[in-house]
Amino acid sequence: EPILLNAPTYLPFYPEDMAYVQEHLDTLVVKDVSEAGGY
């Protein structure tokens, strides 16, 4: 079992996660996977 946790993460790739992200977008942080350095 993982000793250290990931931040709670959603993948819009999955339909159920997409639905959650669309509904709660105003409370989430969204990251572009192609960016780095805080961009």
PDB file of all heavy atoms in Angstrom:
ATOM      1  N   GLU A   1       0.841  -1.185   0.000  1.00  0.00           N
ATOM      2  CA  GLU A   1       0.000   0.000   0.000  1.00  0.00           C
ATOM      3  C   GLU A   1       0.885   1.248   0.000  1.00  0.00           C
ATOM      4  O   GLU A   1       1.938   1.264   0.654  1.00  0.00           O
ATOM      5  CB  GLU A   1      -0.915   0.027   1.222  1.00  0.00           C
ATOM      6  CG  GLU A   1      -2.105  -0.909   1.110  1.00  0.00           C
ATOM      7  CD  GLU A   1      -2.987  -0.570  -0.100  1.00  0.00           C
ATOM      8  OE1 GLU A   1      -3.388   0.603  -0.238  1.00  0.00           O
ATOM      9  OE2 GLU A   1      -3.252  -1.484  -0.897  1.00  0.00           O
ATOM     10  N   PRO A   2       0.497   2.271  -0.732  1.00  0.00           N
ATOM     11  CA  PRO A   2       1.321   3.491  -0.759  1.00  0.00           C
ATOM     12  C   PRO A   2       1.464   4.105   0.624  1.00  0.00           C
ATOM     13  O   PRO A   2       0.487   4.221   1.370  1.00  0.00           O
ATOM     14  CB  PRO A   2       0.543   4.416  -1.690  1.00  0.00           C
ATOM     15  CG  PRO A   2      -0.330   3.518  -2.506  1.00  0.00           C
ATOM     16  CD  PRO A   2      -0.667   2.364  -1.621  1.00  0.00           C
ATOM     17  N   ILE A   3       2.685   4.476   0.955  1.00  0.00           N
ATOM     18  CA  ILE A   3       2.953   5.105   2.249  1.00  0.00           C
ATOM     19  C   ILE A   3       2.624   6.598   2.185  1.00  0.00           C
ATOM     20  O   ILE A   3       2.088   7.165   3.140  1.00  0.00           O
ATOM     21  CB  ILE A   3       4.428   4.894   2.638  1.00  0.00           C
ATOM     22  CG1 ILE A   3       4.701   3.396   2.840  1.00  0.00           C
ATOM     23  CG2 ILE A   3       4.791   5.675   3.896  1.00  0.00           C
ATOM     24  CD1 ILE A   3       6.175   3.036   2.915  1.00  0.00           C
ATOM     25  N   LEU A   4       2.918   7.219   1.048  1.00  0.00           N
ATOM     26  CA  LEU A   4       2.627   8.644   0.857  1.00  0.00           C
ATOM     27  C   LEU A   4       1.476   8.807  -0.128  1.00  0.00           C
ATOM     28  O   LEU A   4       1.369   8.053  -1.091  1.00  0.00           O
ATOM     29  CB  LEU A   4       3.871   9.373   0.349  1.00  0.00           C
ATOM     30  CG  LEU A   4       5.065   9.375   1.294  1.00  0.00           C
ATOM     31  CD1 LEU A   4       6.285   9.993   0.621  1.00  0.00           C
ATOM     32  CD2 LEU A   4       4.744  10.125   2.586  1.00  0.00           C
ATOM     33  N   LEU A   5       0.651   9.795   0.104  1.00  0.00           N
ATOM     34  CA  LEU A   5      -0.565   9.987  -0.680  1.00  0.00           C
ATOM     35  C   LEU A   5      -0.354  10.925  -1.857  1.00  0.00           C
ATOM     36  O   LEU A   5       0.419  11.876  -1.785  1.00  0.00           O
ATOM     37  CB  LEU A   5      -1.667  10.572   0.208  1.00  0.00           C
ATOM     38  CG  LEU A   5      -2.067   9.778   1.452  1.00  0.00           C
ATOM     39  CD1 LEU A   5      -3.069  10.578   2.276  1.00  0.00           C
ATOM     40  CD2 LEU A   5      -2.655   8.431   1.064  1.00  0.00           C
ATOM     41  N   ASN A   6      -1.060  10.656  -2.948  1.00  0.00           N
ATOM     42  CA  ASN A   6      -1.249  11.649  -4.002  1.00  0.00           C
ATOM     43  C   ASN A   6      -2.242  12.694  -3.519  1.00  0.00           C
ATOM     44  O   ASN A   6      -3.105  12.398  -2.674  1.00  0.00           O
ATOM     45  CB  ASN A   6      -1.841  11.010  -5.257  1.00  0.00           C
ATOM     46  CG  ASN A   6      -0.795  10.413  -6.177  1.00  0.00           C
ATOM     47  OD1 ASN A   6       0.368  10.260  -5.807  1.00  0.00           O
ATOM     48  ND2 ASN A   6      -1.202  10.064  -7.387  1.00  0.00           N
ATOM     49  N   ALA A   7      -2.166  13.893  -4.079  1.00  0.00           N
ATOM     50  CA  ALA A   7      -3.267  14.836  -3.897  1.00  0.00           C
ATOM     51  C   ALA A   7      -4.507  14.232  -4.565  1.00  0.00           C
ATOM     52  O   ALA A   7      -4.388  13.560  -5.594  1.00  0.00           O
ATOM     53  CB  ALA A   7      -2.930  16.169  -4.542  1.00  0.00           C
ATOM     54  N   PRO A   8      -5.707  14.412  -4.001  1.00  0.00           N
ATOM     55  CA  PRO A   8      -6.918  13.883  -4.653  1.00  0.00           C
ATOM     56  C   PRO A   8      -7.022  14.418  -6.083  1.00  0.00           C
ATOM     57  O   PRO A   8      -7.079  15.632  -6.302  1.00  0.00           O
ATOM     58  CB  PRO A   8      -8.048  14.420  -3.771  1.00  0.00           C
ATOM     59  CG  PRO A   8      -7.410  14.644  -2.434  1.00  0.00           C
ATOM     60  CD  PRO A   8      -6.008  15.083  -2.727  1.00  0.00           C
ATOM     61  N   THR A   9      -7.005  13.495  -7.046  1.00  0.00           N
ATOM     62  CA  THR A   9      -6.851  13.859  -8.461  1.00  0.00           C
ATOM     63  C   THR A   9      -7.945  13.250  -9.308  1.00  0.00           C
ATOM     64  O   THR A   9      -8.371  12.113  -9.066  1.00  0.00           O
ATOM     65  CB  THR A   9      -5.474  13.387  -8.983  1.00  0.00           C
ATOM     66  OG1 THR A   9      -4.444  13.951  -8.153  1.00  0.00           O
ATOM     67  CG2 THR A   9      -5.230  13.816 -10.425  1.00  0.00           C
ATOM     68  N   TYR A  10      -8.378  13.989 -10.325  1.00  0.00           N
ATOM     69  CA  TYR A  10      -9.419  13.523 -11.240  1.00  0.00           C
ATOM     70  C   TYR A  10      -8.890  13.581 -12.666  1.00  0.00           C
ATOM     71  O   TYR A  10      -8.224  14.540 -13.056  1.00  0.00           O
ATOM     72  CB  TYR A  10     -10.673  14.385 -11.105  1.00  0.00           C
ATOM     73  CG  TYR A  10     -11.134  14.511  -9.676  1.00  0.00           C
ATOM     74  CD1 TYR A  10     -10.770  15.623  -8.910  1.00  0.00           C
ATOM     75  CD2 TYR A  10     -11.886  13.498  -9.073  1.00  0.00           C
ATOM     76  CE1 TYR A  10     -11.157  15.716  -7.584  1.00  0.00           C
ATOM     77  CE2 TYR A  10     -12.280  13.598  -7.745  1.00  0.00           C
ATOM     78  CZ  TYR A  10     -11.907  14.704  -7.006  1.00  0.00           C
ATOM     79  OH  TYR A  10     -12.275  14.804  -5.693  1.00  0.00           O
ATOM     80  N   LEU A  11      -9.188  12.538 -13.430  1.00  0.00           N
ATOM     81  CA  LEU A  11      -8.798  12.473 -14.833  1.00  0.00           C
ATOM     82  C   LEU A  11     -10.024  12.664 -15.706  1.00  0.00           C
ATOM     83  O   LEU A  11     -10.894  11.786 -15.755  1.00  0.00           O
ATOM     84  CB  LEU A  11      -8.157  11.118 -15.161  1.00  0.00           C
ATOM     85  CG  LEU A  11      -6.764  10.839 -14.635  1.00  0.00           C
ATOM     86  CD1 LEU A  11      -6.248   9.541 -15.230  1.00  0.00           C
ATOM     87  CD2 LEU A  11      -5.808  11.961 -14.962  1.00  0.00           C
ATOM     88  N   PRO A  12     -10.150  13.773 -16.410  1.00  0.00           N
ATOM     89  CA  PRO A  12     -11.300  13.979 -17.304  1.00  0.00           C
ATOM     90  C   PRO A  12     -11.395  12.902 -18.381  1.00  0.00           C
ATOM     91  O   PRO A  12     -12.435  12.759 -19.019  1.00  0.00           O
ATOM     92  CB  PRO A  12     -11.025  15.357 -17.910  1.00  0.00           C
ATOM     93  CG  PRO A  12     -10.141  16.041 -16.922  1.00  0.00           C
ATOM     94  CD  PRO A  12      -9.284  14.961 -16.344  1.00  0.00           C
ATOM     95  N   PHE A  13     -10.333  12.137 -18.571  1.00  0.00           N
ATOM     96  CA  PHE A  13     -10.327  11.006 -19.496  1.00  0.00           C
ATOM     97  C   PHE A  13     -11.442  10.009 -19.158  1.00  0.00           C
ATOM     98  O   PHE A  13     -12.035   9.390 -20.028  1.00  0.00           O
ATOM     99  CB  PHE A  13      -8.951  10.337 -19.419  1.00  0.00           C
ATOM    100  CG  PHE A  13      -8.807   9.072 -20.204  1.00  0.00           C
ATOM    101  CD1 PHE A  13      -8.510   9.101 -21.564  1.00  0.00           C
ATOM    102  CD2 PHE A  13      -8.950   7.837 -19.594  1.00  0.00           C
ATOM    103  CE1 PHE A  13      -8.365   7.926 -22.284  1.00  0.00           C
ATOM    104  CE2 PHE A  13      -8.808   6.658 -20.304  1.00  0.00           C
ATOM    105  CZ  PHE A  13      -8.512   6.703 -21.657  1.00  0.00           C
ATOM    106  N   TYR A  14     -11.729   9.878 -17.842  1.00  0.00           N
ATOM    107  CA  TYR A  14     -12.795   8.982 -17.385  1.00  0.00           C
ATOM    108  C   TYR A  14     -14.103   9.761 -17.292  1.00  0.00           C
ATOM    109  O   TYR A  14     -14.132  10.856 -16.707  1.00  0.00           O
ATOM    110  CB  TYR A  14     -12.454   8.388 -16.021  1.00  0.00           C
ATOM    111  CG  TYR A  14     -11.272   7.448 -16.031  1.00  0.00           C
ATOM    112  CD1 TYR A  14     -10.148   7.697 -15.248  1.00  0.00           C
ATOM    113  CD2 TYR A  14     -11.287   6.295 -16.816  1.00  0.00           C
ATOM    114  CE1 TYR A  14      -9.061   6.831 -15.253  1.00  0.00           C
ATOM    115  CE2 TYR A  14     -10.205   5.422 -16.818  1.00  0.00           C
ATOM    116  CZ  TYR A  14      -9.105   5.701 -16.045  1.00  0.00           C
ATOM    117  OH  TYR A  14      -8.033   4.837 -16.054  1.00  0.00           O
ATOM    118  N   PRO A  15     -15.195   9.223 -17.831  1.00  0.00           N
ATOM    119  CA  PRO A  15     -16.469   9.964 -17.845  1.00  0.00           C
ATOM    120  C   PRO A  15     -16.927  10.430 -16.470  1.00  0.00           C
ATOM    121  O   PRO A  15     -17.405  11.560 -16.314  1.00  0.00           O
ATOM    122  CB  PRO A  15     -17.456   8.954 -18.458  1.00  0.00           C
ATOM    123  CG  PRO A  15     -16.599   8.059 -19.299  1.00  0.00           C
ATOM    124  CD  PRO A  15     -15.298   7.938 -18.571  1.00  0.00           C
ATOM    125  N   GLU A  16     -16.767   9.563 -15.446  1.00  0.00           N
ATOM    126  CA  GLU A  16     -17.234   9.954 -14.114  1.00  0.00           C
ATOM    127  C   GLU A  16     -16.390  11.103 -13.557  1.00  0.00           C
ATOM    128  O   GLU A  16     -16.904  11.997 -12.867  1.00  0.00           O
ATOM    129  CB  GLU A  16     -17.223   8.762 -13.143  1.00  0.00           C
ATOM    130  CG  GLU A  16     -15.862   8.114 -12.917  1.00  0.00           C
ATOM    131  CD  GLU A  16     -15.519   7.025 -13.923  1.00  0.00           C
ATOM    132  OE1 GLU A  16     -16.079   7.035 -15.048  1.00  0.00           O
ATOM    133  OE2 GLU A  16     -14.689   6.168 -13.573  1.00  0.00           O
ATOM    134  N   ASP A  17     -15.089  11.096 -13.861  1.00  0.00           N
ATOM    135  CA  ASP A  17     -14.232  12.196 -13.410  1.00  0.00           C
ATOM    136  C   ASP A  17     -14.530  13.470 -14.189  1.00  0.00           C
ATOM    137  O   ASP A  17     -14.502  14.580 -13.634  1.00  0.00           O
ATOM    138  CB  ASP A  17     -12.761  11.819 -13.567  1.00  0.00           C
ATOM    139  CG  ASP A  17     -12.258  10.893 -12.461  1.00  0.00           C
ATOM    140  OD1 ASP A  17     -13.108  10.360 -11.725  1.00  0.00           O
ATOM    141  OD2 ASP A  17     -11.040  10.693 -12.346  1.00  0.00           O
ATOM    142  N   MET A  18     -14.794  13.324 -15.482  1.00  0.00           N
ATOM    143  CA  MET A  18     -15.164  14.486 -16.293  1.00  0.00           C
ATOM    144  C   MET A  18     -16.409  15.161 -15.717  1.00  0.00           C
ATOM    145  O   MET A  18     -16.460  16.402 -15.585  1.00  0.00           O
ATOM    146  CB  MET A  18     -15.413  14.082 -17.744  1.00  0.00           C
ATOM    147  CG  MET A  18     -15.942  15.212 -18.635  1.00  0.00           C
ATOM    148  SD  MET A  18     -14.761  16.551 -18.908  1.00  0.00           S
ATOM    149  CE  MET A  18     -13.837  15.842 -20.297  1.00  0.00           C
ATOM    150  N   ALA A  19     -17.398  14.351 -15.350  1.00  0.00           N
ATOM    151  CA  ALA A  19     -18.634  14.918 -14.797  1.00  0.00           C
ATOM    152  C   ALA A  19     -18.350  15.666 -13.496  1.00  0.00           C
ATOM    153  O   ALA A  19     -18.871  16.773 -13.273  1.00  0.00           O
ATOM    154  CB  ALA A  19     -19.648  13.796 -14.556  1.00  0.00           C
ATOM    155  N   TYR A  20     -17.488  15.077 -12.646  1.00  0.00           N
ATOM    156  CA  TYR A  20     -17.163  15.722 -11.370  1.00  0.00           C
ATOM    157  C   TYR A  20     -16.417  17.037 -11.607  1.00  0.00           C
ATOM    158  O   TYR A  20     -16.712  18.061 -10.987  1.00  0.00           O
ATOM    159  CB  TYR A  20     -16.315  14.790 -10.506  1.00  0.00           C
ATOM    160  CG  TYR A  20     -15.998  15.378  -9.153  1.00  0.00           C
ATOM    161  CD1 TYR A  20     -16.864  15.190  -8.073  1.00  0.00           C
ATOM    162  CD2 TYR A  20     -14.849  16.148  -8.951  1.00  0.00           C
ATOM    163  CE1 TYR A  20     -16.592  15.745  -6.833  1.00  0.00           C
ATOM    164  CE2 TYR A  20     -14.569  16.714  -7.714  1.00  0.00           C
ATOM    165  CZ  TYR A  20     -15.440  16.504  -6.661  1.00  0.00           C
ATOM    166  OH  TYR A  20     -15.183  17.066  -5.431  1.00  0.00           O
ATOM    167  N   VAL A  21     -15.447  17.007 -12.527  1.00  0.00           N
ATOM    168  CA  VAL A  21     -14.654  18.201 -12.810  1.00  0.00           C
ATOM    169  C   VAL A  21     -15.531  19.323 -13.351  1.00  0.00           C
ATOM    170  O   VAL A  21     -15.429  20.483 -12.929  1.00  0.00           O
ATOM    171  CB  VAL A  21     -13.515  17.877 -13.802  1.00  0.00           C
ATOM    172  CG1 VAL A  21     -12.829  19.149 -14.294  1.00  0.00           C
ATOM    173  CG2 VAL A  21     -12.482  16.950 -13.145  1.00  0.00           C
ATOM    174  N   GLN A  22     -16.422  18.992 -14.272  1.00  0.00           N
ATOM    175  CA  GLN A  22     -17.291  20.015 -14.851  1.00  0.00           C
ATOM    176  C   GLN A  22     -18.204  20.632 -13.785  1.00  0.00           C
ATOM    177  O   GLN A  22     -18.473  21.838 -13.810  1.00  0.00           O
ATOM    178  CB  GLN A  22     -18.132  19.402 -15.976  1.00  0.00           C
ATOM    179  CG  GLN A  22     -17.328  18.961 -17.196  1.00  0.00           C
ATOM    180  CD  GLN A  22     -16.790  20.128 -18.013  1.00  0.00           C
ATOM    181  OE1 GLN A  22     -17.352  21.209 -18.023  1.00  0.00           O
ATOM    182  NE2 GLN A  22     -15.681  19.903 -18.705  1.00  0.00           N
ATOM    183  N   GLU A  23     -18.633  19.818 -12.847  1.00  0.00           N
ATOM    184  CA  GLU A  23     -19.561  20.307 -11.819  1.00  0.00           C
ATOM    185  C   GLU A  23     -18.848  21.119 -10.735  1.00  0.00           C
ATOM    186  O   GLU A  23     -19.433  22.030 -10.139  1.00  0.00           O
ATOM    187  CB  GLU A  23     -20.291  19.115 -11.174  1.00  0.00           C
ATOM    188  CG  GLU A  23     -21.378  19.524 -10.202  1.00  0.00           C
ATOM    189  CD  GLU A  23     -22.130  18.329  -9.635  1.00  0.00           C
ATOM    190  OE1 GLU A  23     -22.002  17.215 -10.191  1.00  0.00           O
ATOM    191  OE2 GLU A  23     -22.847  18.511  -8.630  1.00  0.00           O
ATOM    192  N   HIS A  24     -17.567  20.793 -10.468  1.00  0.00           N
ATOM    193  CA  HIS A  24     -16.856  21.428  -9.348  1.00  0.00           C
ATOM    194  C   HIS A  24     -15.662  22.267  -9.803  1.00  0.00           C
ATOM    195  O   HIS A  24     -14.763  22.534  -9.005  1.00  0.00           O
ATOM    196  CB  HIS A  24     -16.373  20.351  -8.364  1.00  0.00           C
ATOM    197  CG  HIS A  24     -17.476  19.557  -7.733  1.00  0.00           C
ATOM    198  ND1 HIS A  24     -17.981  18.414  -8.317  1.00  0.00           N
ATOM    199  CD2 HIS A  24     -18.173  19.747  -6.586  1.00  0.00           C
ATOM    200  CE1 HIS A  24     -18.935  17.929  -7.548  1.00  0.00           C
ATOM    201  NE2 HIS A  24     -19.081  18.715  -6.497  1.00  0.00           N
ATOM    202  N   LEU A  25     -15.674  22.692 -11.027  1.00  0.00           N
ATOM    203  CA  LEU A  25     -14.519  23.378 -11.589  1.00  0.00           C
ATOM    204  C   LEU A  25     -14.125  24.620 -10.784  1.00  0.00           C
ATOM    205  O   LEU A  25     -12.946  24.969 -10.694  1.00  0.00           O
ATOM    206  CB  LEU A  25     -14.808  23.772 -13.045  1.00  0.00           C
ATOM    207  CG  LEU A  25     -13.612  24.085 -13.948  1.00  0.00           C
ATOM    208  CD1 LEU A  25     -12.628  22.923 -13.981  1.00  0.00           C
ATOM    209  CD2 LEU A  25     -14.085  24.420 -15.350  1.00  0.00           C
ATOM    210  N   ASP A  26     -15.093  25.269 -10.170  1.00  0.00           N
ATOM    211  CA  ASP A  26     -14.805  26.505  -9.441  1.00  0.00           C
ATOM    212  C   ASP A  26     -14.068  26.271  -8.126  1.00  0.00           C
ATOM    213  O   ASP A  26     -13.595  27.226  -7.496  1.00  0.00           O
ATOM    214  CB  ASP A  26     -16.093  27.293  -9.182  1.00  0.00           C
ATOM    215  CG  ASP A  26     -17.108  26.508  -8.375  1.00  0.00           C
ATOM    216  OD1 ASP A  26     -17.053  25.254  -8.379  1.00  0.00           O
ATOM    217  OD2 ASP A  26     -17.967  27.133  -7.724  1.00  0.00           O
ATOM    218  N   THR A  27     -13.938  25.004  -7.702  1.00  0.00           N
ATOM    219  CA  THR A  27     -13.228  24.713  -6.449  1.00  0.00           C
ATOM    220  C   THR A  27     -11.940  23.921  -6.672  1.00  0.00           C
ATOM    221  O   THR A  27     -11.221  23.647  -5.717  1.00  0.00           O
ATOM    222  CB  THR A  27     -14.124  23.912  -5.485  1.00  0.00           C
ATOM    223  OG1 THR A  27     -14.391  22.620  -6.049  1.00  0.00           O
ATOM    224  CG2 THR A  27     -15.425  24.642  -5.206  1.00  0.00           C
ATOM    225  N   LEU A  28     -11.650  23.548  -7.915  1.00  0.00           N
ATOM    226  CA  LEU A  28     -10.508  22.685  -8.216  1.00  0.00           C
ATOM    227  C   LEU A  28      -9.343  23.490  -8.780  1.00  0.00           C
ATOM    228  O   LEU A  28      -9.506  24.637  -9.195  1.00  0.00           O
ATOM    229  CB  LEU A  28     -10.911  21.610  -9.226  1.00  0.00           C
ATOM    230  CG  LEU A  28     -12.024  20.650  -8.808  1.00  0.00           C
ATOM    231  CD1 LEU A  28     -12.425  19.761  -9.972  1.00  0.00           C
ATOM    232  CD2 LEU A  28     -11.577  19.800  -7.619  1.00  0.00           C
ATOM    233  N   VAL A  29      -8.167  22.863  -8.782  1.00  0.00           N
ATOM    234  CA  VAL A  29      -7.026  23.413  -9.517  1.00  0.00           C
ATOM    235  C   VAL A  29      -6.827  22.518 -10.735  1.00  0.00           C
ATOM    236  O   VAL A  29      -6.808  21.291 -10.624  1.00  0.00           O
ATOM    237  CB  VAL A  29      -5.741  23.488  -8.645  1.00  0.00           C
ATOM    238  CG1 VAL A  29      -5.384  22.150  -8.033  1.00  0.00           C
ATOM    239  CG2 VAL A  29      -4.574  24.008  -9.461  1.00  0.00           C
ATOM    240  N   VAL A  30      -6.727  23.122 -11.901  1.00  0.00           N
ATOM    241  CA  VAL A  30      -6.587  22.384 -13.159  1.00  0.00           C
ATOM    242  C   VAL A  30      -5.175  22.585 -13.680  1.00  0.00           C
ATOM    243  O   VAL A  30      -4.656  23.705 -13.711  1.00  0.00           O
ATOM    244  CB  VAL A  30      -7.626  22.862 -14.199  1.00  0.00           C
ATOM    245  CG1 VAL A  30      -7.413  22.153 -15.531  1.00  0.00           C
ATOM    246  CG2 VAL A  30      -9.039  22.607 -13.677  1.00  0.00           C
ATOM    247  N   LYS A  31      -4.541  21.482 -14.099  1.00  0.00           N
ATOM    248  CA  LYS A  31      -3.160  21.538 -14.580  1.00  0.00           C
ATOM    249  C   LYS A  31      -3.081  20.997 -16.003  1.00  0.00           C
ATOM    250  O   LYS A  31      -3.631  19.943 -16.307  1.00  0.00           O
ATOM    251  CB  LYS A  31      -2.239  20.712 -13.667  1.00  0.00           C
ATOM    252  CG  LYS A  31      -2.183  21.227 -12.232  1.00  0.00           C
ATOM    253  CD  LYS A  31      -1.263  20.379 -11.365  1.00  0.00           C
ATOM    254  CE  LYS A  31      -1.198  20.919  -9.945  1.00  0.00           C
ATOM    255  NZ  LYS A  31      -0.301  20.099  -9.087  1.00  0.00           N
ATOM    256  N   ASP A  32      -2.382  21.729 -16.823  1.00  0.00           N
ATOM    257  CA  ASP A  32      -2.100  21.305 -18.186  1.00  0.00           C
ATOM    258  C   ASP A  32      -0.900  20.369 -18.127  1.00  0.00           C
ATOM    259  O   ASP A  32       0.184  20.761 -17.680  1.00  0.00           O
ATOM    260  CB  ASP A  32      -1.782  22.538 -19.045  1.00  0.00           C
ATOM    261  CG  ASP A  32      -1.642  22.213 -20.525  1.00  0.00           C
ATOM    262  OD1 ASP A  32      -1.170  21.115 -20.850  1.00  0.00           O
ATOM    263  OD2 ASP A  32      -1.980  23.076 -21.353  1.00  0.00           O
ATOM    264  N   VAL A  33      -1.064  19.118 -18.569  1.00  0.00           N
ATOM    265  CA  VAL A  33      -0.011  18.115 -18.395  1.00  0.00           C
ATOM    266  C   VAL A  33       1.231  18.421 -19.225  1.00  0.00           C
ATOM    267  O   VAL A  33       2.304  17.860 -18.971  1.00  0.00           O
ATOM    268  CB  VAL A  33      -0.516  16.693 -18.718  1.00  0.00           C
ATOM    269  CG1 VAL A  33      -1.698  16.326 -17.842  1.00  0.00           C
ATOM    270  CG2 VAL A  33      -0.868  16.543 -20.197  1.00  0.00           C
ATOM    271  N   SER A  34       1.131  19.296 -20.208  1.00  0.00           N
ATOM    272  CA  SER A  34       2.284  19.602 -21.052  1.00  0.00           C
ATOM    273  C   SER A  34       3.134  20.739 -20.497  1.00  0.00           C
ATOM    274  O   SER A  34       4.192  21.042 -21.036  1.00  0.00           O
ATOM    275  CB  SER A  34       1.826  19.976 -22.467  1.00  0.00           C
ATOM    276  OG  SER A  34       1.062  21.171 -22.444  1.00  0.00           O
ATOM    277  N   GLU A  35       2.676  21.365 -19.406  1.00  0.00           N
ATOM    278  CA  GLU A  35       3.397  22.510 -18.847  1.00  0.00           C
ATOM    279  C   GLU A  35       4.210  22.091 -17.628  1.00  0.00           C
ATOM    280  O   GLU A  35       3.980  21.043 -17.030  1.00  0.00           O
ATOM    281  CB  GLU A  35       2.413  23.609 -18.449  1.00  0.00           C
ATOM    282  CG  GLU A  35       1.622  24.184 -19.618  1.00  0.00           C
ATOM    283  CD  GLU A  35       2.414  25.194 -20.416  1.00  0.00           C
ATOM    284  OE1 GLU A  35       3.606  25.413 -20.112  1.00  0.00           O
ATOM    285  OE2 GLU A  35       1.845  25.783 -21.354  1.00  0.00           O
ATOM    286  N   ALA A  36       5.163  22.933 -17.252  1.00  0.00           N
ATOM    287  CA  ALA A  36       5.997  22.685 -16.077  1.00  0.00           C
ATOM    288  C   ALA A  36       6.394  24.019 -15.473  1.00  0.00           C
ATOM    289  O   ALA A  36       6.105  25.090 -16.024  1.00  0.00           O
ATOM    290  CB  ALA A  36       7.234  21.876 -16.460  1.00  0.00           C
ATOM    291  N   GLY A  37       7.078  23.955 -14.309  1.00  0.00           N
ATOM    292  CA  GLY A  37       7.602  25.174 -13.700  1.00  0.00           C
ATOM    293  C   GLY A  37       6.535  26.091 -13.127  1.00  0.00           C
ATOM    294  O   GLY A  37       6.766  27.288 -12.960  1.00  0.00           O
ATOM    295  N   GLY A  38       5.369  25.542 -12.815  1.00  0.00           N
ATOM    296  CA  GLY A  38       4.295  26.355 -12.270  1.00  0.00           C
ATOM    297  C   GLY A  38       3.411  26.988 -13.321  1.00  0.00           C
ATOM    298  O   GLY A  38       2.413  27.654 -12.997  1.00  0.00           O
ATOM    299  N   TYR A  39       3.750  26.790 -14.609  1.00  0.00           N
ATOM    300  CA  TYR A  39       2.916  27.314 -15.693  1.00  0.00           C
ATOM    301  C   TYR A  39       1.787  26.319 -15.976  1.00  0.00           C
ATOM    302  O   TYR A  39       1.900  25.120 -15.714  1.00  0.00           O
ATOM    303  CB  TYR A  39       3.758  27.531 -16.949  1.00  0.00           C
ATOM    304  CG  TYR A  39       4.804  28.604 -16.792  1.00  0.00           C
ATOM    305  CD1 TYR A  39       6.122  28.281 -16.496  1.00  0.00           C
ATOM    306  CD2 TYR A  39       4.460  29.955 -16.925  1.00  0.00           C
ATOM    307  CE1 TYR A  39       7.086  29.274 -16.335  1.00  0.00           C
ATOM    308  CE2 TYR A  39       5.416  30.948 -16.768  1.00  0.00           C
ATOM    309  CZ  TYR A  39       6.731  30.603 -16.471  1.00  0.00           C
ATOM    310  OH  TYR A  39       7.673  31.580 -16.307  1.00  0.00           O
TER     311      TYR A  39
END
